[in-house]
């Protein structure tokens, strides 16, 4: 290797380290998605997300990428969901606002058409499902308190039957994004605020 090529390689390596330090959550999520794409080939045909058959011992139901989200802290998950939202060209801004006393708003998404979306993030293990109290809390704050047009609850897990029933009974049901739907969204699927 010539000294010039060595200097370029060192410069590229240092630039990569700087980017990873500046955006650790985004880089980690991208690494997981790239590795997931290398291991599993996904195809989109006719607007339907098709997942290939699992190899021996693997899962092919779209949940393989959820493991990365489940290993994040709550704050990292909120930032990862905001980063995921920013991929949509229809998003003007996605701001993380979660924390103590967040009043059921972890990420505020503002679309270019002016609509505001309240996102509540629940990073739960597979057996720990989101219950009806979360649905009631988000429904009670997203319009009146946060002045949002749409509300999402995004989880790495699933929703209880009570939560789904409570949501179905609302005048304006929330968008419930379970782990499988999150996996499809992360793999390039349509963002959940579109019908």
Protein backbone atom coordinates (compact mmCIF):
# COMPACT_ATOMS: atom_id res chain seq x y z
CA UNK A 1 0.00 0.00 0.00
CA UNK A 2 1.40 3.37 -0.98
CA UNK A 3 1.75 6.14 1.63
CA UNK A 4 -0.99 8.16 -0.13
CA UNK A 5 -3.49 5.29 -0.02
CA UNK A 6 -2.60 4.59 3.60
CA UNK A 7 -3.29 8.23 4.51
CA UNK A 8 -6.66 8.09 2.73
CA UNK A 9 -7.57 4.84 4.54
CA UNK A 10 -6.62 6.33 7.93
CA UNK A 11 -8.58 9.51 7.14
CA UNK A 12 -11.67 7.50 6.14
CA UNK A 13 -11.41 5.40 9.32
CA UNK A 14 -11.15 8.51 11.53
CA UNK A 15 -14.11 10.12 9.73
CA UNK A 16 -16.16 6.95 10.31
CA UNK A 17 -15.30 7.01 14.03
CA UNK A 18 -16.35 10.68 14.23
CA UNK A 19 -19.72 9.91 12.61
CA UNK A 20 -20.31 6.95 14.95
CA UNK A 21 -19.53 9.13 17.98
CA UNK A 22 -21.83 11.91 16.74
CA UNK A 23 -24.75 9.60 15.85
CA UNK A 24 -24.40 6.38 17.88
CA UNK A 25 -28.07 5.37 17.87
CA UNK A 26 -28.56 6.01 14.17
CA UNK A 27 -25.32 4.20 13.26
CA UNK A 28 -26.22 1.23 15.45
CA UNK A 29 -29.68 1.00 13.93
CA UNK A 30 -28.27 1.30 10.41
CA UNK A 31 -25.71 -1.43 11.14
CA UNK A 32 -28.47 -3.76 12.37
CA UNK A 33 -30.61 -2.99 9.33
CA UNK A 34 -27.72 -3.52 6.91
CA UNK A 35 -26.77 -6.81 8.56
CA UNK A 36 -30.41 -7.87 8.59
CA UNK A 37 -30.63 -7.05 4.89
CA UNK A 38 -27.53 -9.10 4.16
CA UNK A 39 -28.83 -12.12 6.06
CA UNK A 40 -32.44 -11.90 4.87
CA UNK A 41 -33.72 -10.75 1.48
CA UNK A 42 -37.02 -8.90 1.55
CA UNK A 43 -39.18 -8.24 -1.48
CA UNK A 44 -42.01 -5.81 -1.97
CA UNK A 45 -44.57 -6.91 -4.55
CA UNK A 46 -47.93 -5.38 -5.18
CA UNK A 47 -47.73 -3.24 -2.05
CA UNK A 48 -47.47 -6.31 0.17
CA UNK A 49 -44.40 -7.03 2.23
CA UNK A 50 -43.22 -10.58 1.62
CA UNK A 51 -40.72 -12.28 3.90
CA UNK A 52 -38.72 -15.27 2.71
CA UNK A 53 -38.76 -18.58 4.55
CA UNK A 54 -36.59 -18.83 7.61
CA UNK A 55 -33.31 -20.66 7.46
CA UNK A 56 -32.66 -23.34 10.04
CA UNK A 57 -33.18 -21.87 13.50
CA UNK A 58 -34.02 -18.39 12.18
CA UNK A 59 -37.24 -16.42 12.09
CA UNK A 60 -38.72 -15.02 8.91
CA UNK A 61 -41.75 -13.21 10.30
CA UNK A 62 -40.19 -9.73 10.39
CA UNK A 63 -39.38 -9.89 14.11
CA UNK A 64 -35.65 -10.50 13.67
CA UNK A 65 -34.90 -6.75 13.56
CA UNK A 66 -36.96 -6.07 16.70
CA UNK A 67 -34.21 -7.61 18.86
CA UNK A 68 -32.04 -4.55 18.22
CA UNK A 69 -34.81 -2.25 19.45
CA UNK A 70 -35.49 -4.43 22.50
CA UNK A 71 -31.85 -4.13 23.59
CA UNK A 72 -31.96 -0.32 23.53
CA UNK A 73 -32.69 1.85 26.54
CA UNK A 74 -36.04 3.64 26.54
CA UNK A 75 -34.36 6.88 25.48
CA UNK A 76 -32.40 5.17 22.70
CA UNK A 77 -35.62 3.62 21.43
CA UNK A 78 -37.32 7.03 21.33
CA UNK A 79 -34.40 8.45 19.34
CA UNK A 80 -34.44 5.43 17.01
CA UNK A 81 -38.18 5.94 16.33
CA UNK A 82 -37.55 9.65 15.64
CA UNK A 83 -34.73 8.69 13.24
CA UNK A 84 -37.07 6.22 11.55
CA UNK A 85 -39.72 8.95 11.16
CA UNK A 86 -37.19 11.33 9.59
CA UNK A 87 -36.66 8.87 6.71
CA UNK A 88 -40.11 9.86 5.39
CA UNK A 89 -39.81 12.78 2.93
CA UNK A 90 -43.20 13.96 4.20
CA UNK A 91 -41.73 14.65 7.65
CA UNK A 92 -40.56 18.19 8.39
CA UNK A 93 -39.28 17.38 11.90
CA UNK A 94 -39.27 14.60 14.49
CA UNK A 95 -38.38 15.78 17.98
CA UNK A 96 -37.79 13.57 21.00
CA UNK A 97 -39.52 14.96 24.07
CA UNK A 98 -39.91 11.89 26.26
CA UNK A 99 -38.89 11.66 29.88
CA UNK A 100 -40.48 12.20 33.26
CA UNK A 101 -43.87 13.93 33.01
CA UNK A 102 -43.92 13.74 29.21
CA UNK A 103 -47.73 13.42 29.24
CA UNK A 104 -47.71 10.46 26.85
CA UNK A 105 -45.58 12.17 24.20
CA UNK A 106 -42.17 10.69 23.47
CA UNK A 107 -41.70 11.90 19.87
CA UNK A 108 -43.46 14.79 18.14
CA UNK A 109 -43.57 14.34 14.36
CA UNK A 110 -44.47 17.32 12.18
CA UNK A 111 -45.43 16.58 8.59
CA UNK A 112 -44.82 18.95 5.69
CA UNK A 113 -48.62 19.24 5.23
CA UNK A 114 -48.86 20.78 8.73
CA UNK A 115 -50.23 17.77 10.62
CA UNK A 116 -48.73 16.94 14.01
CA UNK A 117 -48.33 13.38 15.24
CA UNK A 118 -47.89 12.34 18.87
CA UNK A 119 -45.85 9.16 19.29
CA UNK A 120 -45.72 7.19 22.53
CA UNK A 121 -42.86 4.64 22.53
CA UNK A 122 -43.02 1.45 24.58
CA UNK A 123 -39.86 -0.67 24.37
CA UNK A 124 -41.13 -3.88 25.91
CA UNK A 125 -39.92 -7.48 25.92
CA UNK A 126 -41.92 -9.89 23.76
CA UNK A 127 -44.11 -11.19 26.61
CA UNK A 128 -44.85 -7.76 28.08
CA UNK A 129 -47.75 -6.29 26.09
CA UNK A 130 -49.07 -2.73 26.09
CA UNK A 131 -52.35 -2.47 28.00
CA UNK A 132 -55.48 -0.34 27.78
CA UNK A 133 -54.28 2.29 30.33
CA UNK A 134 -51.63 3.44 27.82
CA UNK A 135 -54.32 3.80 25.13
CA UNK A 136 -56.45 5.88 27.51
CA UNK A 137 -53.51 8.07 28.54
CA UNK A 138 -52.41 8.83 24.96
CA UNK A 139 -55.99 9.43 23.85
CA UNK A 140 -56.51 11.83 26.74
CA UNK A 141 -53.53 14.06 25.89
CA UNK A 142 -52.64 14.01 22.21
CA UNK A 143 -55.36 16.39 20.96
CA UNK A 144 -56.14 18.72 23.84
CA UNK A 145 -52.73 18.96 25.49
CA UNK A 146 -50.26 18.39 22.63
CA UNK A 147 -52.50 19.76 19.83
CA UNK A 148 -51.78 16.79 17.56
CA UNK A 149 -53.91 15.43 14.74
CA UNK A 150 -52.86 11.77 14.98
CA UNK A 151 -51.45 9.61 17.77
CA UNK A 152 -49.36 6.44 17.55
CA UNK A 153 -48.28 3.96 20.16
CA UNK A 154 -45.16 2.18 18.94
CA UNK A 155 -44.01 -0.93 20.77
CA UNK A 156 -41.43 -3.64 20.25
CA UNK A 157 -43.97 -6.09 21.66
CA UNK A 158 -47.73 -6.30 21.11
CA UNK A 159 -51.01 -4.95 22.51
CA UNK A 160 -53.37 -6.73 24.90
CA UNK A 161 -56.89 -7.55 23.73
CA UNK A 162 -58.17 -4.94 26.20
CA UNK A 163 -55.94 -2.30 24.61
CA UNK A 164 -57.14 -3.22 21.12
CA UNK A 165 -60.77 -3.22 22.26
CA UNK A 166 -60.38 0.14 24.04
CA UNK A 167 -58.78 1.61 20.94
CA UNK A 168 -61.51 0.29 18.63
CA UNK A 169 -64.15 1.96 20.83
CA UNK A 170 -62.59 5.43 20.49
CA UNK A 171 -64.22 8.01 18.19
CA UNK A 172 -60.80 8.52 16.58
CA UNK A 173 -58.77 5.34 17.13
CA UNK A 174 -55.04 5.65 17.66
CA UNK A 175 -52.57 3.94 15.34
CA UNK A 176 -51.22 0.91 17.20
CA UNK A 177 -47.81 -0.15 15.89
CA UNK A 178 -46.77 -3.55 17.23
CA UNK A 179 -43.33 -5.16 16.91
CA UNK A 180 -44.11 -6.86 13.61
CA UNK A 181 -45.39 -3.62 12.06
CA UNK A 182 -42.37 -1.76 13.45
CA UNK A 183 -40.10 -4.35 11.82
CA UNK A 184 -41.77 -3.82 8.44
CA UNK A 185 -41.52 -0.04 8.83
CA UNK A 186 -37.83 -0.29 9.75
CA UNK A 187 -37.22 -2.53 6.72
CA UNK A 188 -38.50 0.21 4.40
CA UNK A 189 -42.26 -0.17 4.72
CA UNK A 190 -44.80 2.64 4.75
CA UNK A 191 -44.78 4.90 7.84
CA UNK A 192 -47.79 4.21 10.10
CA UNK A 193 -49.33 7.68 9.81
CA UNK A 194 -50.44 6.93 6.24
CA UNK A 195 -53.69 4.98 5.76
